[in-house]
N, C-alpha and C. Protein backbone atom coordinates (compact mmCIF):
# COMPACT_ATOMS: atom_id res chain seq x y z
N MET A 1 84.42 126.47 110.04
CA MET A 1 85.45 125.84 109.25
C MET A 1 85.35 126.24 107.77
N ARG A 2 85.46 127.52 107.53
CA ARG A 2 85.37 128.04 106.17
C ARG A 2 86.42 127.39 105.26
N ARG A 3 87.61 127.22 105.78
CA ARG A 3 88.69 126.62 104.99
C ARG A 3 88.31 125.22 104.52
N ASP A 4 87.71 124.41 105.38
CA ASP A 4 87.28 123.06 105.01
C ASP A 4 86.22 123.10 103.91
N ARG A 5 85.26 124.01 104.03
CA ARG A 5 84.20 124.13 103.01
C ARG A 5 84.80 124.53 101.66
N GLU A 6 85.74 125.45 101.70
CA GLU A 6 86.39 125.89 100.45
C GLU A 6 87.18 124.74 99.82
N HIS A 7 87.88 124.00 100.65
CA HIS A 7 88.64 122.84 100.16
C HIS A 7 87.69 121.82 99.55
N ASP A 8 86.62 121.50 100.23
CA ASP A 8 85.66 120.51 99.73
C ASP A 8 85.02 120.97 98.42
N ALA A 9 84.79 122.25 98.27
CA ALA A 9 84.18 122.77 97.05
C ALA A 9 85.10 122.59 95.84
N ARG A 10 86.41 122.64 96.05
CA ARG A 10 87.38 122.48 94.96
C ARG A 10 87.78 121.02 94.75
N ARG A 11 87.50 120.17 95.70
CA ARG A 11 87.93 118.78 95.68
C ARG A 11 87.15 117.98 94.63
N PRO A 12 87.85 117.16 93.84
CA PRO A 12 87.14 116.30 92.88
C PRO A 12 86.23 115.31 93.60
N SER A 13 85.28 114.76 92.89
CA SER A 13 84.36 113.79 93.49
C SER A 13 85.12 112.55 93.94
N ALA A 14 84.50 111.75 94.78
CA ALA A 14 85.12 110.51 95.25
C ALA A 14 85.46 109.60 94.08
N VAL A 15 84.57 109.49 93.13
CA VAL A 15 84.82 108.63 91.96
C VAL A 15 86.01 109.17 91.16
N ALA A 16 86.08 110.47 91.00
CA ALA A 16 87.20 111.07 90.27
C ALA A 16 88.52 110.84 90.99
N ARG A 17 88.47 110.68 92.33
CA ARG A 17 89.68 110.43 93.11
C ARG A 17 90.03 108.94 93.18
N GLY A 18 89.23 108.08 92.53
CA GLY A 18 89.55 106.66 92.48
C GLY A 18 88.67 105.76 93.32
N TYR A 19 87.71 106.34 94.01
CA TYR A 19 86.86 105.56 94.91
C TYR A 19 85.58 105.12 94.22
N GLY A 20 85.71 104.44 93.09
CA GLY A 20 84.57 103.95 92.33
C GLY A 20 84.28 102.48 92.65
N SER A 21 83.65 101.80 91.71
CA SER A 21 83.23 100.41 91.94
C SER A 21 84.40 99.47 92.16
N LYS A 22 85.50 99.67 91.45
CA LYS A 22 86.68 98.82 91.64
C LYS A 22 87.21 98.97 93.07
N TRP A 23 87.24 100.21 93.57
CA TRP A 23 87.68 100.45 94.95
C TRP A 23 86.72 99.80 95.95
N ARG A 24 85.41 99.97 95.72
CA ARG A 24 84.43 99.42 96.66
C ARG A 24 84.57 97.91 96.77
N GLU A 25 84.84 97.25 95.65
CA GLU A 25 85.03 95.80 95.66
C GLU A 25 86.32 95.43 96.41
N ALA A 26 87.40 96.12 96.13
CA ALA A 26 88.68 95.85 96.80
C ALA A 26 88.57 96.13 98.29
N ARG A 27 87.89 97.21 98.64
CA ARG A 27 87.69 97.59 100.04
C ARG A 27 86.92 96.51 100.80
N ALA A 28 85.84 96.03 100.20
CA ALA A 28 85.03 95.00 100.84
C ALA A 28 85.85 93.73 101.07
N GLY A 29 86.63 93.33 100.08
CA GLY A 29 87.47 92.14 100.24
C GLY A 29 88.52 92.33 101.32
N PHE A 30 89.13 93.50 101.36
CA PHE A 30 90.15 93.78 102.37
C PHE A 30 89.55 93.75 103.77
N LEU A 31 88.40 94.40 103.94
CA LEU A 31 87.76 94.42 105.27
C LEU A 31 87.26 93.04 105.68
N ALA A 32 86.89 92.19 104.71
CA ALA A 32 86.47 90.83 105.04
C ALA A 32 87.65 90.04 105.62
N LYS A 33 88.85 90.30 105.10
CA LYS A 33 90.05 89.61 105.59
C LYS A 33 90.63 90.27 106.83
N HIS A 34 90.33 91.54 107.03
CA HIS A 34 90.87 92.32 108.15
C HIS A 34 89.72 93.05 108.83
N PRO A 35 88.90 92.34 109.60
CA PRO A 35 87.65 92.92 110.11
C PRO A 35 87.77 93.81 111.35
N THR A 36 88.95 93.90 111.96
CA THR A 36 89.05 94.71 113.17
C THR A 36 90.01 95.88 112.98
N CYS A 37 89.70 96.96 113.65
CA CYS A 37 90.51 98.18 113.59
C CYS A 37 91.90 97.89 114.14
N CYS A 38 92.92 98.28 113.40
CA CYS A 38 94.30 98.04 113.83
C CYS A 38 94.70 98.97 114.97
N ARG A 39 93.88 99.96 115.28
CA ARG A 39 94.19 100.90 116.35
C ARG A 39 93.49 100.54 117.66
N CYS A 40 92.20 100.19 117.58
CA CYS A 40 91.44 100.01 118.83
C CYS A 40 90.77 98.65 118.96
N GLY A 41 90.75 97.86 117.89
CA GLY A 41 90.14 96.53 117.96
C GLY A 41 88.65 96.48 117.69
N LYS A 42 88.02 97.62 117.48
CA LYS A 42 86.59 97.63 117.14
C LYS A 42 86.43 97.17 115.69
N PRO A 43 85.20 96.91 115.25
CA PRO A 43 85.00 96.51 113.85
C PRO A 43 85.51 97.59 112.89
N ALA A 44 86.28 97.17 111.90
CA ALA A 44 86.82 98.09 110.91
C ALA A 44 85.77 98.37 109.85
N THR A 45 85.66 99.62 109.46
CA THR A 45 84.71 100.02 108.43
C THR A 45 85.38 100.85 107.33
N VAL A 46 86.65 101.19 107.52
CA VAL A 46 87.38 102.04 106.59
C VAL A 46 88.71 101.40 106.25
N VAL A 47 89.10 101.50 104.99
CA VAL A 47 90.46 101.11 104.59
C VAL A 47 91.24 102.41 104.50
N HIS A 48 92.19 102.55 105.40
CA HIS A 48 93.00 103.76 105.49
C HIS A 48 94.28 103.58 104.67
N HIS A 49 94.61 104.58 103.87
CA HIS A 49 95.89 104.58 103.16
C HIS A 49 96.94 105.14 104.13
N THR A 50 97.83 104.28 104.61
CA THR A 50 98.79 104.71 105.62
C THR A 50 99.80 105.72 105.08
N THR A 51 100.00 105.71 103.79
CA THR A 51 100.79 106.74 103.11
C THR A 51 99.83 107.51 102.22
N PRO A 52 99.64 108.79 102.47
CA PRO A 52 98.71 109.55 101.65
C PRO A 52 99.07 109.42 100.16
N HIS A 53 98.10 109.03 99.36
CA HIS A 53 98.38 108.79 97.94
C HIS A 53 98.32 110.06 97.10
N ARG A 54 97.54 111.03 97.52
CA ARG A 54 97.41 112.32 96.84
C ARG A 54 97.29 112.18 95.32
N GLY A 55 96.50 111.18 94.91
CA GLY A 55 96.23 110.96 93.49
C GLY A 55 97.19 110.00 92.81
N ASP A 56 98.24 109.59 93.48
CA ASP A 56 99.21 108.65 92.90
C ASP A 56 98.57 107.26 92.88
N ARG A 57 98.25 106.76 91.70
CA ARG A 57 97.55 105.47 91.57
C ARG A 57 98.38 104.30 92.10
N ALA A 58 99.70 104.34 91.97
CA ALA A 58 100.54 103.25 92.49
C ALA A 58 100.40 103.17 94.02
N LEU A 59 100.43 104.31 94.68
CA LEU A 59 100.25 104.33 96.14
C LEU A 59 98.82 103.95 96.51
N PHE A 60 97.87 104.46 95.75
CA PHE A 60 96.45 104.18 96.03
C PHE A 60 96.17 102.69 96.06
N TRP A 61 96.71 101.93 95.10
CA TRP A 61 96.41 100.50 94.98
C TRP A 61 97.42 99.60 95.67
N ASN A 62 98.41 100.16 96.32
CA ASN A 62 99.41 99.34 97.03
C ASN A 62 98.81 98.84 98.35
N ARG A 63 98.38 97.59 98.34
CA ARG A 63 97.69 97.02 99.50
C ARG A 63 98.58 96.93 100.74
N ALA A 64 99.88 96.96 100.55
CA ALA A 64 100.78 96.96 101.70
C ALA A 64 100.65 98.26 102.50
N LEU A 65 100.06 99.27 101.89
CA LEU A 65 99.88 100.57 102.54
C LEU A 65 98.45 100.78 103.04
N TRP A 66 97.65 99.72 103.03
CA TRP A 66 96.27 99.81 103.51
C TRP A 66 96.21 99.31 104.96
N ALA A 67 95.34 99.92 105.73
CA ALA A 67 95.13 99.49 107.12
C ALA A 67 93.64 99.52 107.43
N PRO A 68 93.15 98.48 108.13
CA PRO A 68 91.74 98.48 108.52
C PRO A 68 91.55 99.33 109.78
N VAL A 69 90.64 100.28 109.72
CA VAL A 69 90.36 101.12 110.88
C VAL A 69 88.86 101.34 111.01
N CYS A 70 88.43 101.69 112.21
CA CYS A 70 87.03 102.07 112.41
C CYS A 70 86.90 103.54 112.03
N GLN A 71 85.68 104.00 111.82
CA GLN A 71 85.45 105.39 111.40
C GLN A 71 85.99 106.39 112.42
N PRO A 72 85.75 106.19 113.75
CA PRO A 72 86.28 107.17 114.71
C PRO A 72 87.81 107.28 114.67
N CYS A 73 88.51 106.16 114.53
CA CYS A 73 89.97 106.22 114.46
C CYS A 73 90.43 106.87 113.16
N HIS A 74 89.73 106.58 112.07
CA HIS A 74 90.09 107.19 110.79
C HIS A 74 89.89 108.70 110.82
N ASP A 75 88.74 109.13 111.32
CA ASP A 75 88.41 110.55 111.30
C ASP A 75 89.17 111.34 112.37
N GLY A 76 89.67 110.66 113.38
CA GLY A 76 90.40 111.33 114.46
C GLY A 76 91.90 111.21 114.28
N PRO A 77 92.51 110.22 114.93
CA PRO A 77 93.97 110.15 114.92
C PRO A 77 94.61 109.94 113.55
N CYS A 78 94.00 109.15 112.69
CA CYS A 78 94.60 108.92 111.36
C CYS A 78 94.68 110.22 110.56
N GLN A 79 93.59 110.97 110.55
CA GLN A 79 93.58 112.22 109.80
C GLN A 79 94.50 113.26 110.44
N ALA A 80 94.55 113.29 111.77
CA ALA A 80 95.44 114.23 112.45
C ALA A 80 96.89 113.94 112.11
N GLU A 81 97.25 112.66 112.04
CA GLU A 81 98.63 112.30 111.70
C GLU A 81 98.98 112.73 110.28
N GLU A 82 98.02 112.62 109.36
CA GLU A 82 98.28 113.01 107.97
C GLU A 82 98.50 114.52 107.84
N LYS A 83 97.88 115.29 108.70
CA LYS A 83 97.96 116.74 108.60
C LYS A 83 99.25 117.30 109.22
N ARG A 84 99.95 116.47 109.99
CA ARG A 84 101.20 116.93 110.59
C ARG A 84 102.27 117.09 109.52
N PRO A 85 103.13 118.09 109.67
CA PRO A 85 104.20 118.28 108.67
C PRO A 85 105.24 117.17 108.70
């Protein structure tokens, strides 16, 4: 997956993309209120942005666009759906 490595090398850090302490606090609160994956019902560990924010802070912080998902659902079907045209 050379393309993925090249993309990751150019990608800003998680903190630079908005995933700092404010995000960690908001994420923890959201998952406390929404503890199960909306796809499979397993424990949710990820807050998925249902609309890719691509750096847009308004989309990033719009909680109406957040969904609780487990890691396997996030890394599998959620990411695959985002990559579709």
